[in-house]
C-alpha atoms as a PDB file:
ATOM      1  CA  ALA A   1      13.157  14.412  66.987  1.00  0.00           C
ATOM      2  CA  ALA A   2      13.709  18.131  66.968  1.00  0.00           C
ATOM      3  CA  ALA A   3      10.179  18.880  65.658  1.00  0.00           C
ATOM      4  CA  ALA A   4       8.638  16.776  68.540  1.00  0.00           C
ATOM      5  CA  ARG A   5      10.770  18.869  71.218  1.00  0.00           C
ATOM      6  CA  CYS A   6       9.269  22.025  69.636  1.00  0.00           C
ATOM      7  CA  ALA A   7       5.664  20.864  69.420  1.00  0.00           C
ATOM      8  CA  PRO A   8       3.274  22.912  71.645  1.00  0.00           C
ATOM      9  CA  ALA A   9       2.319  21.263  74.998  1.00  0.00           C
ATOM     10  CA  ARG A  10      -1.182  19.868  75.447  1.00  0.00           C
ATOM     11  CA  ASP A  11      -3.543  20.862  78.149  1.00  0.00           C
ATOM     12  CA  SER A  12      -4.909  17.889  79.944  1.00  0.00           C
ATOM     13  CA  HIS A  13      -7.651  16.140  77.917  1.00  0.00           C
ATOM     14  CA  GLY A  14      -7.344  18.709  75.051  1.00  0.00           C
ATOM     15  CA  PRO A  15      -5.832  18.991  71.692  1.00  0.00           C
ATOM     16  CA  PRO A  16      -2.349  20.680  71.141  1.00  0.00           C
ATOM     17  CA  ARG A  17      -2.467  24.386  71.846  1.00  0.00           C
ATOM     18  CA  GLN A  18      -1.513  26.818  69.141  1.00  0.00           C
ATOM     19  CA  GLY A  19      -0.148  30.019  70.151  1.00  0.00           C
ATOM     20  CA  HIS A  20      -1.218  31.521  73.437  1.00  0.00           C
ATOM     21  CA  GLY A  21      -4.951  31.104  73.082  1.00  0.00           C
ATOM     22  CA  GLY A  22      -5.136  28.382  75.660  1.00  0.00           C
ATOM     23  CA  SER A  23      -3.249  30.017  78.434  1.00  0.00           C
ATOM     24  CA  LYS A  24      -6.360  31.567  79.950  1.00  0.00           C
ATOM     25  CA  ALA A  25      -7.996  28.164  79.904  1.00  0.00           C
ATOM     26  CA  ALA A  26      -5.062  26.538  81.500  1.00  0.00           C
ATOM     27  CA  SER A  27      -4.913  29.154  84.094  1.00  0.00           C
ATOM     28  CA  LEU A  28      -8.592  28.619  84.996  1.00  0.00           C
ATOM     29  CA  HIS A  29      -8.082  24.753  84.955  1.00  0.00           C
ATOM     30  CA  TRP A  30      -5.028  25.168  87.316  1.00  0.00           C
ATOM     31  CA  THR A  31      -7.171  27.610  89.674  1.00  0.00           C
ATOM     32  CA  GLY A  32      -9.915  24.991  89.655  1.00  0.00           C
ATOM     33  CA  GLU A  33      -7.592  22.177  90.648  1.00  0.00           C
ATOM     34  CA  ARG A  34      -6.281  24.252  93.500  1.00  0.00           C
ATOM     35  CA  ALA A  35      -9.861  25.177  94.641  1.00  0.00           C
ATOM     36  CA  VAL A  36     -10.856  21.442  94.634  1.00  0.00           C
ATOM     37  CA  SER A  37      -7.744  20.520  96.624  1.00  0.00           C
ATOM     38  CA  VAL A  38      -8.498  23.328  99.212  1.00  0.00           C
ATOM     39  CA  LEU A  39     -12.182  22.150  99.224  1.00  0.00           C
ATOM     40  CA  LEU A  40     -11.045  18.384 100.022  1.00  0.00           C
ATOM     41  CA  LEU A  41      -8.921  19.984 102.900  1.00  0.00           C
ATOM     42  CA  GLY A  42     -12.079  21.533 104.247  1.00  0.00           C
ATOM     43  CA  LEU A  43     -14.223  18.475 103.724  1.00  0.00           C
ATOM     44  CA  LEU A  44     -12.011  16.160 105.799  1.00  0.00           C
ATOM     45  CA  PRO A  45     -12.641  17.851 109.107  1.00  0.00           C
ATOM     46  CA  ALA A  46     -16.203  18.476 108.102  1.00  0.00           C
ATOM     47  CA  ALA A  47     -16.632  14.749 107.696  1.00  0.00           C
ATOM     48  CA  TYR A  48     -15.394  14.053 111.051  1.00  0.00           C
ATOM     49  CA  LEU A  49     -17.208  16.905 112.963  1.00  0.00           C
ATOM     50  CA  CYS A  50     -20.556  16.806 111.048  1.00  0.00           C
ATOM     51  CA  PRO A  51     -20.969  13.708 108.961  1.00  0.00           C
ATOM     52  CA  GLY A  52     -24.146  13.471 106.862  1.00  0.00           C
ATOM     53  CA  PRO A  53     -25.431  13.219 103.353  1.00  0.00           C
ATOM     54  CA  ALA A  54     -24.257  16.735 102.238  1.00  0.00           C
ATOM     55  CA  VAL A  55     -20.782  15.965 103.278  1.00  0.00           C
ATOM     56  CA  ASP A  56     -20.852  12.370 101.777  1.00  0.00           C
ATOM     57  CA  TYR A  57     -22.089  13.784  98.340  1.00  0.00           C
ATOM     58  CA  SER A  58     -19.665  16.514  98.482  1.00  0.00           C
ATOM     59  CA  LEU A  59     -16.800  14.154  99.099  1.00  0.00           C
ATOM     60  CA  ALA A  60     -18.052  11.845  96.292  1.00  0.00           C
ATOM     61  CA  ALA A  61     -17.947  14.759  93.780  1.00  0.00           C
ATOM     62  CA  ALA A  62     -14.667  16.373  94.999  1.00  0.00           C
ATOM     63  CA  LEU A  63     -12.767  13.068  95.285  1.00  0.00           C
ATOM     64  CA  THR A  64     -14.074  11.884  91.727  1.00  0.00           C
ATOM     65  CA  LEU A  65     -13.159  15.314  90.191  1.00  0.00           C
ATOM     66  CA  HIS A  66      -9.622  15.295  91.956  1.00  0.00           C
ATOM     67  CA  GLY A  67      -8.963  11.818  90.735  1.00  0.00           C
ATOM     68  CA  HIS A  68     -10.073  12.450  87.225  1.00  0.00           C
ATOM     69  CA  TRP A  69      -7.809  15.486  86.839  1.00  0.00           C
ATOM     70  CA  GLY A  70      -4.840  13.640  88.320  1.00  0.00           C
ATOM     71  CA  LEU A  71      -5.342  10.595  86.032  1.00  0.00           C
ATOM     72  CA  GLY A  72      -5.786  13.108  83.226  1.00  0.00           C
ATOM     73  CA  GLN A  73      -2.300  14.573  83.849  1.00  0.00           C
ATOM     74  CA  VAL A  74      -0.852  10.944  83.971  1.00  0.00           C
ATOM     75  CA  ILE A  75      -2.451  10.496  80.438  1.00  0.00           C
ATOM     76  CA  THR A  76      -1.148  13.780  79.285  1.00  0.00           C
ATOM     77  CA  ASP A  77       2.492  13.020  80.378  1.00  0.00           C
ATOM     78  CA  TYR A  78       2.634   9.209  79.401  1.00  0.00           C
ATOM     79  CA  VAL A  79       0.305   8.529  76.547  1.00  0.00           C
ATOM     80  CA  HIS A  80       1.441   9.381  73.103  1.00  0.00           C
ATOM     81  CA  GLY A  81      -0.340   9.289  69.638  1.00  0.00           C
ATOM     82  CA  ASP A  82      -3.723  10.396  68.586  1.00  0.00           C
ATOM     83  CA  VAL A  83      -5.575   7.122  68.978  1.00  0.00           C
ATOM     84  CA  PRO A  84      -4.042   5.961  72.249  1.00  0.00           C
ATOM     85  CA  ILE A  85      -4.841   9.429  73.707  1.00  0.00           C
ATOM     86  CA  LYS A  86      -8.585   9.109  72.536  1.00  0.00           C
ATOM     87  CA  VAL A  87      -8.806   5.588  73.913  1.00  0.00           C
ATOM     88  CA  ALA A  88      -7.226   6.590  77.168  1.00  0.00           C
ATOM     89  CA  ASN A  89      -9.433   9.708  77.650  1.00  0.00           C
ATOM     90  CA  THR A  90     -12.547   7.750  76.832  1.00  0.00           C
ATOM     91  CA  GLY A  91     -11.484   5.180  79.534  1.00  0.00           C
ATOM     92  CA  LEU A  92     -10.853   7.932  81.970  1.00  0.00           C
ATOM     93  CA  TYR A  93     -14.324   9.509  81.450  1.00  0.00           C
ATOM     94  CA  ILE A  94     -15.881   6.006  81.842  1.00  0.00           C
ATOM     95  CA  LEU A  95     -13.908   5.396  85.007  1.00  0.00           C
ATOM     96  CA  SER A  96     -14.707   8.725  86.462  1.00  0.00           C
ATOM     97  CA  ALA A  97     -18.490   8.322  85.738  1.00  0.00           C
ATOM     98  CA  LEU A  98     -18.490   4.772  87.255  1.00  0.00           C
ATOM     99  CA  THR A  99     -16.644   6.101  90.314  1.00  0.00           C
ATOM    100  CA  PHE A 100     -18.962   8.929  90.935  1.00  0.00           C
ATOM    101  CA  ALA A 101     -22.021   6.601  90.350  1.00  0.00           C
ATOM    102  CA  GLY A 102     -20.567   4.101  92.648  1.00  0.00           C
ATOM    103  CA  LEU A 103     -19.814   6.551  95.473  1.00  0.00           C
ATOM    104  CA  CYS A 104     -23.423   8.033  95.135  1.00  0.00           C
ATOM    105  CA  HIS A 105     -24.840   4.586  95.200  1.00  0.00           C
ATOM    106  CA  PHE A 106     -22.791   3.815  98.340  1.00  0.00           C
ATOM    107  CA  ASN A 107     -23.941   7.048  99.956  1.00  0.00           C
ATOM    108  CA  TYR A 108     -27.655   6.418  99.091  1.00  0.00           C
ATOM    109  CA  HIS A 109     -27.986   2.560  99.683  1.00  0.00           C
ATOM    110  CA  ASP A 110     -25.264   2.015 102.406  1.00  0.00           C
ATOM    111  CA  VAL A 111     -23.809   4.076 105.383  1.00  0.00           C
ATOM    112  CA  GLY A 112     -22.124   6.652 103.411  1.00  0.00           C
ATOM    113  CA  ILE A 113     -18.440   7.745 103.056  1.00  0.00           C
ATOM    114  CA  CYS A 114     -18.028   9.372 106.321  1.00  0.00           C
ATOM    115  CA  LYS A 115     -19.577   6.645 108.452  1.00  0.00           C
ATOM    116  CA  ALA A 116     -17.633   4.069 106.481  1.00  0.00           C
ATOM    117  CA  VAL A 117     -14.311   5.627 107.197  1.00  0.00           C
ATOM    118  CA  ALA A 118     -15.313   6.105 110.807  1.00  0.00           C
ATOM    119  CA  MET A 119     -16.188   2.349 110.933  1.00  0.00           C
ATOM    120  CA  LEU A 120     -12.752   1.501 109.476  1.00  0.00           C
ATOM    121  CA  TRP A 121     -11.029   3.654 111.974  1.00  0.00           C
ATOM    122  CA  SER A 122     -12.883   1.837 114.813  1.00  0.00           C
ATOM    123  CA  LEU A 123     -11.489  -1.523 113.939  1.00  0.00           C
END
C-alpha cells in the first residue's frame, strides 16, 4: 500500500512518469487544454453571430478534443491496472474518432451544428 502511494503520477493517456522528464510535456498539455477552453468560449458567440461551415467544423474539432481530454482525465483518475487502462484508452480514441466523424458528417450532410442549436432554441 505504501508503494502505491509513492508511485509517480501518470499524465493523461501516458505511461507513469519517471523523474521530472514529463513536467514540460504536462505543462504544454495543460496549456493546450486551457487554449481549447478559451477557443470554445470564443466560438460560442461566433456560432451565434456568424454561423457557417468554418464555425461548424471548428466547433466539431474543439468539442471533440475538449471531450477527449476530459474523459482521458476520468480514465487517469478512476481506471487502474495496465490492461484496463489500455482498453479504456483504446475505447476513448475510438469514441473520439467516431464523435468527430459524426459531427463532420452532420455538418456536411445536414444543417450543421450552429443551425441545429438555433433550431432547438426556436422550439
